[in-house]
């Protein structure tokens, strides 16, 4: 499957996932939408399926947390610590991840269209099948280094860097 076909497929799957989460969130999911949590500690927690859409989470700590399928849609994630976090299939569309720490994070299948990554640390991050804009992918390739300790995948390879 070529790169463009993979992107189209990833976009389709991501849209279906976002629609499903918006229509039928699981009962155990917690709703943190439209709230402010500046500098809060969410580290080492299982927040699977929770929603932080439109939240201000600047300088918060999510290190080593399970954030699978969590929605951060349109949130301020400036300087947030996601080190070692599992963000698989998370909705990160239109987020501001400026100066965020994504060291060793897993972003497999994440929807990160229109996300801003300026100054982010992505050492060892795994972006396998993540949906990123072409511009974000190019910028991340300029700084991509390392191998994810959990998945064993090289960051540059998961971003399709030349």
Protein backbone atom coordinates (compact mmCIF):
# COMPACT_ATOMS: atom_id res chain seq x y z
CA UNK A 1 0.00 0.00 0.00
CA UNK A 2 1.51 3.34 -0.95
CA UNK A 3 1.92 6.27 1.40
CA UNK A 4 -1.05 8.27 0.03
CA UNK A 5 -3.37 5.26 0.32
CA UNK A 6 -2.23 4.74 3.92
CA UNK A 7 -3.00 8.37 4.71
CA UNK A 8 -6.47 8.16 3.19
CA UNK A 9 -7.14 4.95 5.11
CA UNK A 10 -5.82 6.48 8.36
CA UNK A 11 -7.99 9.58 7.83
CA UNK A 12 -11.07 7.42 7.26
CA UNK A 13 -10.41 5.32 10.38
CA UNK A 14 -9.69 8.44 12.45
CA UNK A 15 -12.91 10.13 11.36
CA UNK A 16 -14.92 7.02 12.21
CA UNK A 17 -13.20 6.88 15.62
CA UNK A 18 -13.87 10.56 16.36
CA UNK A 19 -17.53 10.18 15.35
CA UNK A 20 -17.92 7.05 17.47
CA UNK A 21 -16.37 8.72 20.53
CA UNK A 22 -18.58 11.79 20.08
CA UNK A 23 -21.79 9.75 19.71
CA UNK A 24 -21.32 6.91 22.16
CA UNK A 25 -18.67 7.50 24.83
CA UNK A 26 -18.18 4.53 27.16
CA UNK A 27 -19.77 4.70 30.60
CA UNK A 28 -16.42 4.63 32.44
CA UNK A 29 -15.04 7.61 30.50
CA UNK A 30 -14.59 10.84 32.40
CA UNK A 31 -15.57 14.19 30.90
CA UNK A 32 -13.04 16.99 31.52
CA UNK A 33 -14.22 19.08 28.55
CA UNK A 34 -13.96 22.88 28.59
CA UNK A 35 -12.13 22.96 31.93
CA UNK A 36 -8.85 24.43 33.12
CA UNK A 37 -6.19 22.20 34.69
CA UNK A 38 -3.02 24.30 34.53
CA UNK A 39 -0.13 22.39 36.07
CA UNK A 40 -2.28 19.45 37.22
CA UNK A 41 -0.79 15.98 37.83
CA UNK A 42 -2.46 13.22 35.81
CA UNK A 43 0.66 11.02 35.76
CA UNK A 44 0.59 7.22 36.02
CA UNK A 45 -3.20 7.04 35.56
CA UNK A 46 -5.53 5.10 33.32
CA UNK A 47 -7.67 7.73 31.60
CA UNK A 48 -8.74 5.53 28.67
CA UNK A 49 -11.63 7.01 26.66
CA UNK A 50 -11.77 10.21 28.73
CA UNK A 51 -12.32 13.56 27.09
CA UNK A 52 -10.38 16.79 27.59
CA UNK A 53 -11.79 18.56 24.52
CA UNK A 54 -11.30 22.35 24.54
CA UNK A 55 -9.47 22.13 27.88
CA UNK A 56 -6.57 24.28 29.05
CA UNK A 57 -3.98 21.76 30.29
CA UNK A 58 -0.89 23.95 30.02
CA UNK A 59 2.12 22.53 31.95
CA UNK A 60 0.12 19.52 33.19
CA UNK A 61 1.75 16.12 33.71
CA UNK A 62 0.39 13.02 31.94
CA UNK A 63 3.66 11.08 32.05
CA UNK A 64 3.36 7.28 31.89
CA UNK A 65 -0.45 7.46 31.72
CA UNK A 66 -2.72 5.31 29.59
CA UNK A 67 -4.45 7.84 27.31
CA UNK A 68 -5.73 5.45 24.66
CA UNK A 69 -8.63 6.91 22.69
CA UNK A 70 -8.65 10.07 24.83
CA UNK A 71 -9.94 13.21 23.15
CA UNK A 72 -7.81 16.32 23.55
CA UNK A 73 -9.49 17.97 20.56
CA UNK A 74 -8.71 21.69 20.33
CA UNK A 75 -6.99 21.78 23.74
CA UNK A 76 -4.05 23.84 24.95
CA UNK A 77 -1.30 21.29 25.62
CA UNK A 78 1.51 23.84 25.79
CA UNK A 79 4.46 22.39 27.74
CA UNK A 80 2.47 19.30 28.79
CA UNK A 81 4.51 16.27 29.85
CA UNK A 82 3.45 13.15 27.94
CA UNK A 83 6.72 11.27 28.53
CA UNK A 84 6.13 7.52 28.21
CA UNK A 85 2.36 8.00 27.82
CA UNK A 86 0.24 5.79 25.58
CA UNK A 87 -1.72 8.14 23.29
CA UNK A 88 -2.77 5.41 20.85
CA UNK A 89 -5.81 6.46 18.81
CA UNK A 90 -6.09 9.72 20.77
CA UNK A 91 -7.83 12.70 19.17
CA UNK A 92 -5.26 15.51 19.09
CA UNK A 93 -6.75 17.49 16.23
CA UNK A 94 -6.28 21.26 16.43
CA UNK A 95 -4.25 21.02 19.64
CA UNK A 96 -1.30 23.18 20.62
CA UNK A 97 1.54 20.83 21.64
CA UNK A 98 4.15 23.59 21.70
CA UNK A 99 7.15 22.64 23.82
CA UNK A 100 5.33 19.45 24.88
CA UNK A 101 7.40 16.51 26.09
CA UNK A 102 6.48 13.49 23.94
CA UNK A 103 9.66 11.55 24.77
CA UNK A 104 8.99 7.81 24.40
CA UNK A 105 5.24 8.43 23.94
CA UNK A 106 3.15 6.11 21.76
CA UNK A 107 0.92 7.99 19.31
CA UNK A 108 -0.04 5.00 17.16
CA UNK A 109 -3.14 5.79 15.11
CA UNK A 110 -3.54 9.20 16.76
CA UNK A 111 -5.53 11.84 14.91
CA UNK A 112 -3.29 14.92 15.05
CA UNK A 113 -4.47 16.92 12.07
CA UNK A 114 -3.73 20.64 12.48
CA UNK A 115 -1.79 20.03 15.71
CA UNK A 116 1.10 22.41 16.41
CA UNK A 117 4.34 20.76 17.59
CA UNK A 118 6.72 23.76 17.71
CA UNK A 119 9.54 23.09 20.15
CA UNK A 120 8.19 19.66 21.16
CA UNK A 121 10.52 16.88 22.32
CA UNK A 122 9.69 13.79 20.25
CA UNK A 123 12.75 11.67 21.05
CA UNK A 124 11.70 8.01 20.92
CA UNK A 125 8.06 8.84 20.12
CA UNK A 126 6.15 6.31 18.00
CA UNK A 127 3.92 7.96 15.35
CA UNK A 128 2.93 4.72 13.55
CA UNK A 129 -0.22 5.36 11.49
CA UNK A 130 -0.76 8.76 13.14
CA UNK A 131 -2.62 11.23 10.97
CA UNK A 132 -0.50 14.39 10.72
CA UNK A 133 -0.50 17.25 8.27
CA UNK A 134 2.28 17.08 5.70
CA UNK A 135 3.74 20.30 7.17
CA UNK A 136 3.80 18.86 10.70
CA UNK A 137 5.39 15.66 9.41
CA UNK A 138 8.15 17.65 7.67
CA UNK A 139 8.85 19.73 10.77
CA UNK A 140 8.91 16.68 13.04
CA UNK A 141 11.29 14.89 10.68
CA UNK A 142 13.80 17.71 11.23
CA UNK A 143 14.04 16.81 14.93
CA UNK A 144 13.09 13.11 14.98
CA UNK A 145 15.53 10.87 16.88
CA UNK A 146 15.48 7.74 18.97
CA UNK A 147 13.63 4.48 19.26
CA UNK A 148 10.55 3.91 21.36
CA UNK A 149 11.46 1.62 24.29
CA UNK A 150 8.02 -0.04 24.36
CA UNK A 151 7.33 -0.65 20.67
CA UNK A 152 10.94 -0.83 19.46
CA UNK A 153 10.09 1.45 16.53
CA UNK A 154 12.40 4.18 15.29
CA UNK A 155 10.80 7.65 15.46
CA UNK A 156 12.05 8.66 12.00
CA UNK A 157 10.63 5.47 10.47
CA UNK A 158 7.20 5.99 12.04
CA UNK A 159 7.10 9.49 10.53
CA UNK A 160 8.21 8.23 7.08
CA UNK A 161 11.20 10.59 7.22
CA UNK A 162 13.48 10.46 4.17
